[in-house]
Amino acid sequence: MNSLETPKVVGVLERLFGEAETTDRSAIAELLDNTEPGADPVATALDAEVSDYKEFYHRSVQNFLCVSPVFGRFLYICGRAVNATRIVEFGTSFGVSTIHLACAVRDNGGGLVVGTELEQAKATRAYGHLKEAGVDDLVDIRVGDALDMLSGGVGGAIDLVHLDGAMSLYRPVLQLLEPHLRPNALIVAENATPDYLDYIEDIATPYVSLPLPFRDVRGNELTVFTG
């Protein structure tokens, strides 16, 4: 079974990817305009985010800032590969990646995707999209700062983590979740930061990691928890 290929899900995702391309075009252009020639746009965004990540993402409340179709399919494959029934997503936005993750959980026999989203407006729209796709029953979006929303755990062992929120928080969010990761859990990070990479690549930490070969400019990273 592949829920991603059902007409309902296909229709919702095609529409959302189209909306994302249109809506985010100006934000991407602004980021590129603010990036020095030859510099990394992601590093530019990180510099702006570090000073006040809440304000940075509040200004982007109308933007999707979502995964690509290829990356979304990759998330689904990761969820199926580890038979994930409990997934944590840092940075739900409008729920595009969440739909892919929830489809994996559905096809694995059921479970829960716990998402976090800083902005209530985004979470509300995400729930609407999830309902359209028929997977809202598999998702719990916690609204607020992820460091607070995830501090008490997620009700069980975590099979898969998707990091796609405030880049400067990847390391502390992962460290917060670490006691709840099951052995061989996967962590998929978009726009992995140097601080995050320093942590997961340290031989003293229980991780094996490598960069993903598609859209390498985004710094996508796949990591296995070996603890």
C-alpha atoms as a PDB file:
ATOM      1  CA  MET A   1       0.000   0.000   0.000  1.00  0.00           C
ATOM      2  CA  ASN A   2       1.200   3.525  -0.814  1.00  0.00           C
ATOM      3  CA  SER A   3      -1.090   6.225   0.512  1.00  0.00           C
ATOM      4  CA  LEU A   4       0.925   8.901  -1.279  1.00  0.00           C
ATOM      5  CA  GLU A   5      -0.540   7.664  -4.558  1.00  0.00           C
ATOM      6  CA  THR A   6      -4.197   7.903  -3.568  1.00  0.00           C
ATOM      7  CA  PRO A   7      -6.079  10.508  -5.633  1.00  0.00           C
ATOM      8  CA  LYS A   8      -6.991  12.563  -2.562  1.00  0.00           C
ATOM      9  CA  VAL A   9      -3.389  12.889  -1.337  1.00  0.00           C
ATOM     10  CA  VAL A  10      -1.980  13.431  -4.824  1.00  0.00           C
ATOM     11  CA  GLY A  11      -4.447  16.243  -5.450  1.00  0.00           C
ATOM     12  CA  VAL A  12      -3.742  18.008  -2.166  1.00  0.00           C
ATOM     13  CA  LEU A  13       0.035  17.764  -2.518  1.00  0.00           C
ATOM     14  CA  GLU A  14       0.054  18.934  -6.130  1.00  0.00           C
ATOM     15  CA  ARG A  15      -1.956  22.000  -5.151  1.00  0.00           C
ATOM     16  CA  LEU A  16       0.179  22.781  -2.112  1.00  0.00           C
ATOM     17  CA  PHE A  17       3.468  22.445  -3.984  1.00  0.00           C
ATOM     18  CA  GLY A  18       2.100  24.829  -6.601  1.00  0.00           C
ATOM     19  CA  GLU A  19       1.010  27.320  -3.947  1.00  0.00           C
ATOM     20  CA  ALA A  20       4.389  27.050  -2.232  1.00  0.00           C
ATOM     21  CA  GLU A  21       6.276  27.845  -5.411  1.00  0.00           C
ATOM     22  CA  THR A  22       4.190  30.963  -5.989  1.00  0.00           C
ATOM     23  CA  THR A  23       4.038  32.146  -2.385  1.00  0.00           C
ATOM     24  CA  ASP A  24       7.708  31.641  -1.538  1.00  0.00           C
ATOM     25  CA  ARG A  25       9.139  33.134  -4.731  1.00  0.00           C
ATOM     26  CA  SER A  26       9.472  36.655  -3.322  1.00  0.00           C
ATOM     27  CA  ALA A  27      10.945  35.437  -0.021  1.00  0.00           C
ATOM     28  CA  ILE A  28      13.590  33.414  -1.854  1.00  0.00           C
ATOM     29  CA  ALA A  29      14.400  36.375  -4.096  1.00  0.00           C
ATOM     30  CA  GLU A  30      14.793  38.615  -1.045  1.00  0.00           C
ATOM     31  CA  LEU A  31      17.128  36.105   0.599  1.00  0.00           C
ATOM     32  CA  LEU A  32      19.282  35.902  -2.528  1.00  0.00           C
ATOM     33  CA  ASP A  33      19.371  39.708  -2.769  1.00  0.00           C
ATOM     34  CA  ASN A  34      20.635  39.887   0.820  1.00  0.00           C
ATOM     35  CA  THR A  35      23.337  37.283   0.219  1.00  0.00           C
ATOM     36  CA  GLU A  36      26.807  38.453  -0.775  1.00  0.00           C
ATOM     37  CA  PRO A  37      28.058  37.176  -4.154  1.00  0.00           C
ATOM     38  CA  GLY A  38      29.563  33.724  -3.691  1.00  0.00           C
ATOM     39  CA  ALA A  39      28.154  33.364  -0.176  1.00  0.00           C
ATOM     40  CA  ASP A  40      25.806  30.626   1.026  1.00  0.00           C
ATOM     41  CA  PRO A  41      22.146  31.767   1.166  1.00  0.00           C
ATOM     42  CA  VAL A  42      21.451  29.273   3.947  1.00  0.00           C
ATOM     43  CA  ALA A  43      24.250  30.802   6.027  1.00  0.00           C
ATOM     44  CA  THR A  44      22.734  34.222   5.405  1.00  0.00           C
ATOM     45  CA  ALA A  45      19.360  32.981   6.641  1.00  0.00           C
ATOM     46  CA  LEU A  46      21.000  31.375   9.675  1.00  0.00           C
ATOM     47  CA  ASP A  47      22.725  34.639  10.603  1.00  0.00           C
ATOM     48  CA  ALA A  48      19.391  36.447  10.463  1.00  0.00           C
ATOM     49  CA  GLU A  49      17.650  33.698  12.414  1.00  0.00           C
ATOM     50  CA  VAL A  50      20.157  33.466  15.255  1.00  0.00           C
ATOM     51  CA  SER A  51      19.551  37.033  16.414  1.00  0.00           C
ATOM     52  CA  ASP A  52      15.827  36.360  17.026  1.00  0.00           C
ATOM     53  CA  TYR A  53      14.456  33.144  15.565  1.00  0.00           C
ATOM     54  CA  LYS A  54      10.904  33.799  16.754  1.00  0.00           C
ATOM     55  CA  GLU A  55      10.736  37.141  14.969  1.00  0.00           C
ATOM     56  CA  PHE A  56      12.481  35.688  11.907  1.00  0.00           C
ATOM     57  CA  TYR A  57       9.831  33.002  11.475  1.00  0.00           C
ATOM     58  CA  HIS A  58       6.966  35.296  12.442  1.00  0.00           C
ATOM     59  CA  ARG A  59       7.871  37.399   9.406  1.00  0.00           C
ATOM     60  CA  SER A  60       7.536  34.227   7.317  1.00  0.00           C
ATOM     61  CA  VAL A  61       4.077  33.303   8.587  1.00  0.00           C
ATOM     62  CA  GLN A  62       2.638  33.460   5.052  1.00  0.00           C
ATOM     63  CA  ASN A  63       5.437  31.396   3.508  1.00  0.00           C
ATOM     64  CA  PHE A  64       5.445  27.630   3.099  1.00  0.00           C
ATOM     65  CA  LEU A  65       9.230  27.115   3.358  1.00  0.00           C
ATOM     66  CA  CYS A  66       8.437  23.466   2.746  1.00  0.00           C
ATOM     67  CA  VAL A  67      10.216  20.398   1.417  1.00  0.00           C
ATOM     68  CA  SER A  68      10.496  19.671  -2.290  1.00  0.00           C
ATOM     69  CA  PRO A  69       8.410  16.860  -3.828  1.00  0.00           C
ATOM     70  CA  VAL A  70      11.534  14.674  -4.011  1.00  0.00           C
ATOM     71  CA  PHE A  71      12.411  15.304  -0.384  1.00  0.00           C
ATOM     72  CA  GLY A  72       8.826  14.633   0.665  1.00  0.00           C
ATOM     73  CA  ARG A  73       8.924  11.264  -1.072  1.00  0.00           C
ATOM     74  CA  PHE A  74      12.255  10.568   0.633  1.00  0.00           C
ATOM     75  CA  LEU A  75      10.645  11.245   4.014  1.00  0.00           C
ATOM     76  CA  TYR A  76       7.878   8.781   3.181  1.00  0.00           C
ATOM     77  CA  ILE A  77      10.446   6.145   2.195  1.00  0.00           C
ATOM     78  CA  CYS A  78      12.381   6.692   5.438  1.00  0.00           C
ATOM     79  CA  GLY A  79       9.203   6.261   7.447  1.00  0.00           C
ATOM     80  CA  ARG A  80       8.340   3.038   5.653  1.00  0.00           C
ATOM     81  CA  ALA A  81      11.907   1.698   5.859  1.00  0.00           C
ATOM     82  CA  VAL A  82      11.995   1.838   9.664  1.00  0.00           C
ATOM     83  CA  ASN A  83       8.307   0.906  10.035  1.00  0.00           C
ATOM     84  CA  ALA A  84       7.806   4.169  11.910  1.00  0.00           C
ATOM     85  CA  THR A  85       4.779   4.449  14.152  1.00  0.00           C
ATOM     86  CA  ARG A  86       5.955   7.486  16.145  1.00  0.00           C
ATOM     87  CA  ILE A  87       7.514  10.403  14.282  1.00  0.00           C
ATOM     88  CA  VAL A  88       8.532  13.849  15.502  1.00  0.00           C
ATOM     89  CA  GLU A  89       8.626  16.787  13.125  1.00  0.00           C
ATOM     90  CA  PHE A  90      10.286  20.037  14.180  1.00  0.00           C
ATOM     91  CA  GLY A  91       8.767  22.727  11.961  1.00  0.00           C
ATOM     92  CA  THR A  92       5.386  21.671  10.580  1.00  0.00           C
ATOM     93  CA  SER A  93       4.647  24.910   8.683  1.00  0.00           C
ATOM     94  CA  PHE A  94       1.603  24.286   6.451  1.00  0.00           C
ATOM     95  CA  GLY A  95       1.849  20.507   6.742  1.00  0.00           C
ATOM     96  CA  VAL A  96       3.302  19.506   3.368  1.00  0.00           C
ATOM     97  CA  SER A  97       6.037  17.291   4.812  1.00  0.00           C
ATOM     98  CA  THR A  98       3.638  16.200   7.540  1.00  0.00           C
ATOM     99  CA  ILE A  99       1.307  14.677   4.960  1.00  0.00           C
ATOM    100  CA  HIS A 100       4.176  12.540   3.637  1.00  0.00           C
ATOM    101  CA  LEU A 101       5.106  11.406   7.146  1.00  0.00           C
ATOM    102  CA  ALA A 102       1.508  10.672   8.115  1.00  0.00           C
ATOM    103  CA  CYS A 103       1.045   8.595   4.961  1.00  0.00           C
ATOM    104  CA  ALA A 104       4.031   6.496   6.020  1.00  0.00           C
ATOM    105  CA  VAL A 105       2.537   6.001   9.475  1.00  0.00           C
ATOM    106  CA  ARG A 106      -0.818   5.071   7.931  1.00  0.00           C
ATOM    107  CA  ASP A 107       0.801   2.489   5.679  1.00  0.00           C
ATOM    108  CA  ASN A 108       2.783   1.088   8.604  1.00  0.00           C
ATOM    109  CA  GLY A 109      -0.458   0.244  10.371  1.00  0.00           C
ATOM    110  CA  GLY A 110      -1.068   3.455  12.310  1.00  0.00           C
ATOM    111  CA  GLY A 111       0.629   5.591  14.914  1.00  0.00           C
ATOM    112  CA  LEU A 112       1.319   9.270  15.499  1.00  0.00           C
ATOM    113  CA  VAL A 113       3.206  12.158  13.964  1.00  0.00           C
ATOM    114  CA  VAL A 114       3.965  14.792  16.601  1.00  0.00           C
ATOM    115  CA  GLY A 115       4.624  18.115  14.923  1.00  0.00           C
ATOM    116  CA  THR A 116       5.710  21.437  16.363  1.00  0.00           C
ATOM    117  CA  GLU A 117       4.892  24.844  14.934  1.00  0.00           C
ATOM    118  CA  LEU A 118       5.730  28.245  16.364  1.00  0.00           C
ATOM    119  CA  GLU A 119       2.853  30.062  14.656  1.00  0.00           C
ATOM    120  CA  GLN A 120      -0.773  29.244  15.455  1.00  0.00           C
ATOM    121  CA  ALA A 121      -1.891  30.515  12.037  1.00  0.00           C
ATOM    122  CA  LYS A 122       0.364  28.020  10.305  1.00  0.00           C
ATOM    123  CA  ALA A 123      -0.758  25.153  12.525  1.00  0.00           C
ATOM    124  CA  THR A 124      -4.398  25.951  11.772  1.00  0.00           C
ATOM    125  CA  ARG A 125      -3.777  25.872   8.030  1.00  0.00           C
ATOM    126  CA  ALA A 126      -1.721  22.696   8.399  1.00  0.00           C
ATOM    127  CA  TYR A 127      -4.604  20.923  10.137  1.00  0.00           C
ATOM    128  CA  GLY A 128      -6.873  21.960   7.280  1.00  0.00           C
ATOM    129  CA  HIS A 129      -4.491  20.491   4.718  1.00  0.00           C
ATOM    130  CA  LEU A 130      -4.076  17.306   6.739  1.00  0.00           C
ATOM    131  CA  LYS A 131      -7.837  16.900   6.943  1.00  0.00           C
ATOM    132  CA  GLU A 132      -8.132  17.393   3.182  1.00  0.00           C
ATOM    133  CA  ALA A 133      -5.575  14.627   2.684  1.00  0.00           C
ATOM    134  CA  GLY A 134      -7.396  12.369   5.143  1.00  0.00           C
ATOM    135  CA  VAL A 135      -4.502  11.987   7.588  1.00  0.00           C
ATOM    136  CA  ASP A 136      -5.403  14.470  10.338  1.00  0.00           C
ATOM    137  CA  ASP A 137      -6.275  11.611  12.703  1.00  0.00           C
ATOM    138  CA  LEU A 138      -2.592  10.609  12.724  1.00  0.00           C
ATOM    139  CA  VAL A 139      -1.123  14.009  13.620  1.00  0.00           C
ATOM    140  CA  ASP A 140      -0.769  16.085  16.790  1.00  0.00           C
ATOM    141  CA  ILE A 141       0.650  19.578  16.170  1.00  0.00           C
ATOM    142  CA  ARG A 142       1.996  21.234  19.300  1.00  0.00           C
ATOM    143  CA  VAL A 143       1.932  25.014  18.928  1.00  0.00           C
ATOM    144  CA  GLY A 144       4.710  27.019  20.552  1.00  0.00           C
ATOM    145  CA  ASP A 145       8.454  26.846  21.045  1.00  0.00           C
ATOM    146  CA  ALA A 146       9.580  23.293  20.295  1.00  0.00           C
ATOM    147  CA  LEU A 147      11.988  23.304  23.231  1.00  0.00           C
ATOM    148  CA  ASP A 148       8.963  23.682  25.492  1.00  0.00           C
ATOM    149  CA  MET A 149       6.523  21.579  23.483  1.00  0.00           C
ATOM    150  CA  LEU A 150       8.835  18.542  23.376  1.00  0.00           C
ATOM    151  CA  SER A 151      10.345  18.801  26.850  1.00  0.00           C
ATOM    152  CA  GLY A 152       8.019  16.157  28.290  1.00  0.00           C
ATOM    153  CA  GLY A 153       8.569  13.621  25.532  1.00  0.00           C
ATOM    154  CA  VAL A 154       6.038  12.401  22.987  1.00  0.00           C
ATOM    155  CA  GLY A 155       4.466   9.424  24.727  1.00  0.00           C
ATOM    156  CA  GLY A 156       6.839   6.717  23.572  1.00  0.00           C
ATOM    157  CA  ALA A 157       9.955   5.779  21.644  1.00  0.00           C
ATOM    158  CA  ILE A 158      10.648   7.787  18.491  1.00  0.00           C
ATOM    159  CA  ASP A 159      11.327   6.022  15.197  1.00  0.00           C
ATOM    160  CA  LEU A 160      11.988   9.026  12.962  1.00  0.00           C
ATOM    161  CA  VAL A 161      12.762  12.724  13.429  1.00  0.00           C
ATOM    162  CA  HIS A 162      12.402  15.376  10.743  1.00  0.00           C
ATOM    163  CA  LEU A 163      14.243  18.630  11.488  1.00  0.00           C
ATOM    164  CA  ASP A 164      12.949  21.498   9.365  1.00  0.00           C
ATOM    165  CA  GLY A 165      12.331  24.388  11.760  1.00  0.00           C
ATOM    166  CA  ALA A 166      14.631  27.047  13.183  1.00  0.00           C
ATOM    167  CA  MET A 167      18.058  25.886  12.022  1.00  0.00           C
ATOM    168  CA  SER A 168      19.812  27.250  15.098  1.00  0.00           C
ATOM    169  CA  LEU A 169      17.727  24.883  17.256  1.00  0.00           C
ATOM    170  CA  TYR A 170      18.498  21.616  15.462  1.00  0.00           C
ATOM    171  CA  ARG A 171      21.141  20.570  17.968  1.00  0.00           C
ATOM    172  CA  PRO A 172      19.194  21.412  21.162  1.00  0.00           C
ATOM    173  CA  VAL A 173      16.006  19.862  19.757  1.00  0.00           C
ATOM    174  CA  LEU A 174      17.824  16.636  18.891  1.00  0.00           C
ATOM    175  CA  GLN A 175      19.509  16.550  22.295  1.00  0.00           C
ATOM    176  CA  LEU A 176      16.099  17.020  23.911  1.00  0.00           C
ATOM    177  CA  LEU A 177      14.682  14.080  21.953  1.00  0.00           C
ATOM    178  CA  GLU A 178      17.751  11.857  22.273  1.00  0.00           C
ATOM    179  CA  PRO A 179      16.625   9.988  25.425  1.00  0.00           C
ATOM    180  CA  HIS A 180      13.445   8.990  23.581  1.00  0.00           C
ATOM    181  CA  LEU A 181      15.018   7.733  20.343  1.00  0.00           C
ATOM    182  CA  ARG A 182      14.778   4.021  19.753  1.00  0.00           C
ATOM    183  CA  PRO A 183      17.922   2.249  18.499  1.00  0.00           C
ATOM    184  CA  ASN A 184      18.323   2.682  14.729  1.00  0.00           C
ATOM    185  CA  ALA A 185      15.966   5.659  14.633  1.00  0.00           C
ATOM    186  CA  LEU A 186      16.485   7.970  11.668  1.00  0.00           C
ATOM    187  CA  ILE A 187      17.002  11.726  11.823  1.00  0.00           C
ATOM    188  CA  VAL A 188      16.489  13.679   8.610  1.00  0.00           C
ATOM    189  CA  ALA A 189      17.646  17.299   8.664  1.00  0.00           C
ATOM    190  CA  GLU A 190      17.163  20.011   6.074  1.00  0.00           C
ATOM    191  CA  ASN A 191      19.695  22.841   6.056  1.00  0.00           C
ATOM    192  CA  ALA A 192      21.919  21.160   8.639  1.00  0.00           C
ATOM    193  CA  THR A 193      24.011  23.803  10.411  1.00  0.00           C
ATOM    194  CA  PRO A 194      27.705  23.550  11.328  1.00  0.00           C
ATOM    195  CA  ASP A 195      26.806  23.341  15.021  1.00  0.00           C
ATOM    196  CA  TYR A 196      24.419  20.455  14.366  1.00  0.00           C
ATOM    197  CA  LEU A 197      26.913  18.653  12.134  1.00  0.00           C
ATOM    198  CA  ASP A 198      29.680  19.064  14.711  1.00  0.00           C
ATOM    199  CA  TYR A 199      27.488  17.249  17.207  1.00  0.00           C
ATOM    200  CA  ILE A 200      26.262  14.317  15.124  1.00  0.00           C
ATOM    201  CA  GLU A 201      29.679  13.769  13.515  1.00  0.00           C
ATOM    202  CA  ASP A 202      31.502  13.662  16.854  1.00  0.00           C
ATOM    203  CA  ILE A 203      32.633  10.063  17.404  1.00  0.00           C
ATOM    204  CA  ALA A 204      31.651  10.395  21.056  1.00  0.00           C
ATOM    205  CA  THR A 205      27.972  10.743  20.123  1.00  0.00           C
ATOM    206  CA  PRO A 206      25.748   7.775  19.176  1.00  0.00           C
ATOM    207  CA  TYR A 207      25.221   8.726  15.534  1.00  0.00           C
ATOM    208  CA  VAL A 208      26.305   7.720  12.051  1.00  0.00           C
ATOM    209  CA  SER A 209      25.596  10.358   9.447  1.00  0.00           C
ATOM    210  CA  LEU A 210      26.133  11.380   5.849  1.00  0.00           C
ATOM    211  CA  PRO A 211      24.960  14.186   3.557  1.00  0.00           C
ATOM    212  CA  LEU A 212      22.177  13.388   1.139  1.00  0.00           C
ATOM    213  CA  PRO A 213      23.107  13.579  -2.548  1.00  0.00           C
ATOM    214  CA  PHE A 214      20.071  15.504  -3.756  1.00  0.00           C
ATOM    215  CA  ARG A 215      19.839  19.289  -3.438  1.00  0.00           C
ATOM    216  CA  ASP A 216      23.176  19.291  -1.646  1.00  0.00           C
ATOM    217  CA  VAL A 217      23.161  23.086  -1.559  1.00  0.00           C
ATOM    218  CA  ARG A 218      20.458  22.744   1.102  1.00  0.00           C
ATOM    219  CA  GLY A 219      22.727  20.758   3.417  1.00  0.00           C
ATOM    220  CA  ASN A 220      20.347  17.813   3.757  1.00  0.00           C
ATOM    221  CA  GLU A 221      21.627  15.172   6.175  1.00  0.00           C
ATOM    222  CA  LEU A 222      20.568  11.610   7.029  1.00  0.00           C
ATOM    223  CA  THR A 223      21.555  10.267  10.430  1.00  0.00           C
ATOM    224  CA  VAL A 224      21.070   6.974  12.273  1.00  0.00           C
ATOM    225  CA  PHE A 225      20.898   6.809  16.065  1.00  0.00           C
ATOM    226  CA  THR A 226      23.052   3.886  17.159  1.00  0.00           C
ATOM    227  CA  GLY A 227      22.343   4.071  20.872  1.00  0.00           C
END
